[in-house]
Protein backbone atom coordinates (compact mmCIF):
# COMPACT_ATOMS: atom_id res chain seq x y z
CA UNK A 1 7.63 -10.56 14.78
CA UNK A 2 7.40 -8.66 18.09
CA UNK A 3 10.22 -9.04 20.56
CA UNK A 4 9.34 -10.21 24.08
CA UNK A 5 9.54 -7.47 26.70
CA UNK A 6 12.97 -8.49 27.99
CA UNK A 7 14.61 -8.89 24.58
CA UNK A 8 17.86 -7.08 23.98
CA UNK A 9 17.95 -4.45 21.25
CA UNK A 10 21.67 -4.82 20.65
CA UNK A 11 23.79 -7.61 19.20
CA UNK A 12 25.90 -9.60 21.64
CA UNK A 13 29.41 -10.70 20.69
CA UNK A 14 30.51 -13.37 23.15
CA UNK A 15 34.24 -13.32 23.89
CA UNK A 16 33.70 -16.51 25.90
CA UNK A 17 30.79 -18.82 26.67
CA UNK A 18 31.73 -19.38 30.30
CA UNK A 19 30.00 -18.33 33.51
CA UNK A 20 31.83 -15.35 35.05
CA UNK A 21 33.54 -15.94 38.39
CA UNK A 22 34.22 -13.21 40.93
CA UNK A 23 34.07 -13.15 44.74
CA UNK A 24 31.69 -10.15 44.72
CA UNK A 25 29.03 -12.07 42.78
CA UNK A 26 27.74 -13.51 46.06
CA UNK A 27 27.06 -9.97 47.26
CA UNK A 28 25.24 -9.18 44.02
CA UNK A 29 23.10 -12.28 44.53
CA UNK A 30 22.14 -10.95 47.96
CA UNK A 31 21.03 -7.63 46.48
CA UNK A 32 19.03 -9.40 43.77
CA UNK A 33 17.12 -11.19 46.53
CA UNK A 34 16.64 -7.96 48.49
CA UNK A 35 15.41 -5.96 45.49
CA UNK A 36 12.82 -8.65 44.81
CA UNK A 37 11.81 -8.77 48.49
CA UNK A 38 11.18 -5.02 48.56
CA UNK A 39 9.30 -5.06 45.24
CA UNK A 40 11.94 -3.12 43.29
CA UNK A 41 12.23 -5.71 40.52
CA UNK A 42 8.59 -6.62 39.80
CA UNK A 43 7.92 -9.75 37.81
CA UNK A 44 6.47 -9.97 34.33
CA UNK A 45 5.86 -13.04 32.20
CA UNK A 46 9.37 -13.02 30.72
CA UNK A 47 11.34 -12.47 33.93
CA UNK A 48 11.81 -9.39 36.10
CA UNK A 49 11.86 -5.65 35.47
CA UNK A 50 15.27 -4.55 36.69
CA UNK A 51 19.00 -5.22 36.42
CA UNK A 52 21.91 -4.91 38.82
CA UNK A 53 25.64 -4.69 38.16
CA UNK A 54 29.02 -4.00 39.75
CA UNK A 55 32.28 -2.81 38.23
CA UNK A 56 35.12 -5.33 38.38
CA UNK A 57 37.99 -2.86 38.87
CA UNK A 58 37.87 0.79 39.90
CA UNK A 59 38.02 3.06 36.86
CA UNK A 60 37.82 0.21 34.36
CA UNK A 61 34.82 -0.67 32.17
CA UNK A 62 34.27 -4.42 32.61
CA UNK A 63 31.31 -5.16 34.87
CA UNK A 64 29.15 -8.09 35.92
CA UNK A 65 25.41 -7.69 35.30
CA UNK A 66 22.28 -9.77 35.67
CA UNK A 67 21.24 -11.69 32.56
CA UNK A 68 18.38 -10.76 30.27
CA UNK A 69 15.10 -12.29 31.41
CA UNK A 70 16.47 -13.25 34.83
CA UNK A 71 13.75 -13.96 37.39
CA UNK A 72 14.63 -12.29 40.67
CA UNK A 73 12.10 -14.36 42.63
CA UNK A 74 14.31 -17.41 42.09
CA UNK A 75 17.40 -18.16 44.15
CA UNK A 76 20.15 -16.64 41.96
CA UNK A 77 22.26 -19.25 40.21
CA UNK A 78 25.79 -18.71 38.90
CA UNK A 79 24.51 -18.46 35.32
CA UNK A 80 22.26 -15.59 36.44
CA UNK A 81 25.17 -13.24 35.62
CA UNK A 82 27.12 -12.08 32.59
CA UNK A 83 30.41 -10.20 32.33
CA UNK A 84 30.33 -7.22 29.96
CA UNK A 85 33.77 -6.28 28.66
CA UNK A 86 32.83 -3.35 26.44
CA UNK A 87 29.94 -1.80 24.51
CA UNK A 88 29.91 -0.20 21.09
CA UNK A 89 26.91 2.06 21.55
CA UNK A 90 27.07 3.54 18.06
CA UNK A 91 26.81 0.11 16.44
CA UNK A 92 24.70 -1.45 19.22
CA UNK A 93 27.12 -4.26 20.04
CA UNK A 94 27.84 -5.62 23.52
CA UNK A 95 31.00 -7.69 24.07
CA UNK A 96 30.36 -10.17 26.83
CA UNK A 97 31.26 -13.44 28.56
CA UNK A 98 28.58 -15.79 29.83
CA UNK A 99 26.05 -18.46 28.94
CA UNK A 100 23.07 -16.10 28.67
CA UNK A 101 22.34 -12.78 27.01
CA UNK A 102 23.32 -9.78 29.14
CA UNK A 103 20.60 -7.50 30.47
CA UNK A 104 18.71 -5.42 27.94
CA UNK A 105 19.96 -2.33 29.81
CA UNK A 106 23.66 -3.20 29.48
CA UNK A 107 24.20 -0.05 27.39
CA UNK A 108 22.80 2.05 30.25
CA UNK A 109 25.18 0.50 32.79
CA UNK A 110 28.14 0.86 30.43
CA UNK A 111 27.39 4.54 29.82
CA UNK A 112 27.16 5.31 33.54
CA UNK A 113 30.42 3.54 34.31
CA UNK A 114 32.13 5.38 31.46
CA UNK A 115 30.77 8.74 32.58
CA UNK A 116 31.24 8.33 36.33
CA UNK A 117 34.58 6.88 37.45
CA UNK A 118 33.42 7.15 41.07
CA UNK A 119 30.56 4.70 40.53
CA UNK A 120 31.22 0.99 41.04
CA UNK A 121 27.63 -0.29 41.26
CA UNK A 122 24.55 0.48 39.18
CA UNK A 123 21.19 -0.84 40.39
CA UNK A 124 18.19 -0.31 38.08
CA UNK A 125 14.72 -1.06 39.39
CA UNK A 126 11.05 -0.18 39.00
CA UNK A 127 8.73 1.29 41.62
CA UNK A 128 5.44 3.12 40.99
CA UNK A 129 5.43 5.02 44.32
CA UNK A 130 8.87 6.42 43.51
CA UNK A 131 7.81 7.52 40.03
CA UNK A 132 4.64 9.16 41.35
CA UNK A 133 6.00 10.81 44.49
CA UNK A 134 9.71 11.14 43.80
CA UNK A 135 9.55 14.44 41.88
CA UNK A 136 7.59 15.98 44.76
CA UNK A 137 10.50 15.08 47.05
CA UNK A 138 12.91 16.83 44.72
CA UNK A 139 14.39 13.69 43.19
CA UNK A 140 16.08 14.31 39.85
CA UNK A 141 14.21 12.89 36.85
CA UNK A 142 14.97 12.53 33.15
CA UNK A 143 13.11 15.06 31.04
CA UNK A 144 11.41 12.60 28.74
CA UNK A 145 10.27 8.99 28.47
CA UNK A 146 12.34 6.75 26.20
CA UNK A 147 12.03 3.04 25.29
CA UNK A 148 14.03 0.55 27.36
CA UNK A 149 17.36 -0.67 26.03
CA UNK A 150 17.83 2.21 23.60
CA UNK A 151 20.50 4.82 22.94
CA UNK A 152 17.78 7.43 23.45
CA UNK A 153 17.26 6.23 27.03
CA UNK A 154 21.00 6.35 27.64
CA UNK A 155 21.18 9.90 26.26
CA UNK A 156 18.28 11.06 28.44
CA UNK A 157 20.13 9.80 31.52
CA UNK A 158 23.49 11.32 30.64
CA UNK A 159 21.85 14.70 30.05
CA UNK A 160 20.88 15.00 33.73
CA UNK A 161 23.22 12.56 35.49
CA UNK A 162 26.02 14.92 36.60
CA UNK A 163 26.91 13.84 40.16
CA UNK A 164 23.45 12.48 41.00
CA UNK A 165 23.49 9.07 42.69
CA UNK A 166 19.76 8.48 42.44
CA UNK A 167 17.84 9.26 39.29
CA UNK A 168 14.26 8.66 38.22
CA UNK A 169 13.72 7.55 34.62
CA UNK A 170 10.53 9.23 33.48
CA UNK A 171 7.58 6.80 33.34
CA UNK A 172 10.06 3.94 33.56
CA UNK A 173 12.01 3.29 36.76
CA UNK A 174 15.10 4.43 38.63
CA UNK A 175 18.85 3.97 38.88
CA UNK A 176 20.71 3.95 42.18
CA UNK A 177 24.47 4.40 42.06
CA UNK A 178 27.22 3.88 44.60
CA UNK A 179 30.92 3.42 45.23
CA UNK A 180 29.91 -0.03 46.50
CA UNK A 181 26.94 -2.34 46.03
CA UNK A 182 25.93 -1.61 49.61
CA UNK A 183 25.89 2.12 48.88
CA UNK A 184 23.70 1.65 45.79
CA UNK A 185 21.36 -0.80 47.47
CA UNK A 186 20.91 1.12 50.71
CA UNK A 187 20.29 4.35 48.79
CA UNK A 188 17.49 2.69 46.82
CA UNK A 189 15.91 1.38 50.03
CA UNK A 190 16.21 4.81 51.65
CA UNK A 191 14.37 6.43 48.74
CA UNK A 192 11.73 3.71 48.83
CA UNK A 193 11.22 4.31 52.55
CA UNK A 194 10.67 8.02 51.91
CA UNK A 195 7.75 7.38 49.57
CA UNK A 196 6.38 4.18 51.07
CA UNK A 197 7.52 3.29 54.61
CA UNK A 198 4.98 0.46 54.72
CA UNK A 199 6.72 -1.40 51.88
CA UNK A 200 10.13 -1.22 53.56
CA UNK A 201 8.73 -2.35 56.89
CA UNK A 202 6.95 -5.29 55.25
CA UNK A 203 10.13 -6.22 53.36
CA UNK A 204 12.11 -6.36 56.60
CA UNK A 205 9.62 -8.68 58.30
């Protein structure tokens, strides 16, 4: 039986079945709305293509991320988010707290937070103009296309991540990183403006 597009490829172990609470979740809700408004999380029949997260404590792994199959065109509800405590990439297990499955790209977010202690927000979106024109602007890109939600995708990112804060995922999307959610969000909008000023101007209106 084929999985729907948004289905997770890992097993989730829930440490608790409660909605995560954190004062910064309201800011994440705001960025979910903005990413939808600027077309960075396009809709598909199972939800939206994209996932946003922030780290709970500097240098620590736990992070809050959008849920699998979340629809960014809706006003974000509290159950829109899941807390990820840890990931066992080798065995494809995500340890989480929430009432919904964590994003299918939770392994990606975990790997970036583990690799980059300076990063406290990871925003993953999709944008055709960026994929088409980004390399011409000198934006760093992964060397190969890999399926979503896989260890292979994670590996392709870590191979070229270094200190890059904006990275194109070949034939897939992008990740925008920052010390804060504002840094990650504004960087994504800046890159979008470089390839398609019309979209950013329309999104602001």
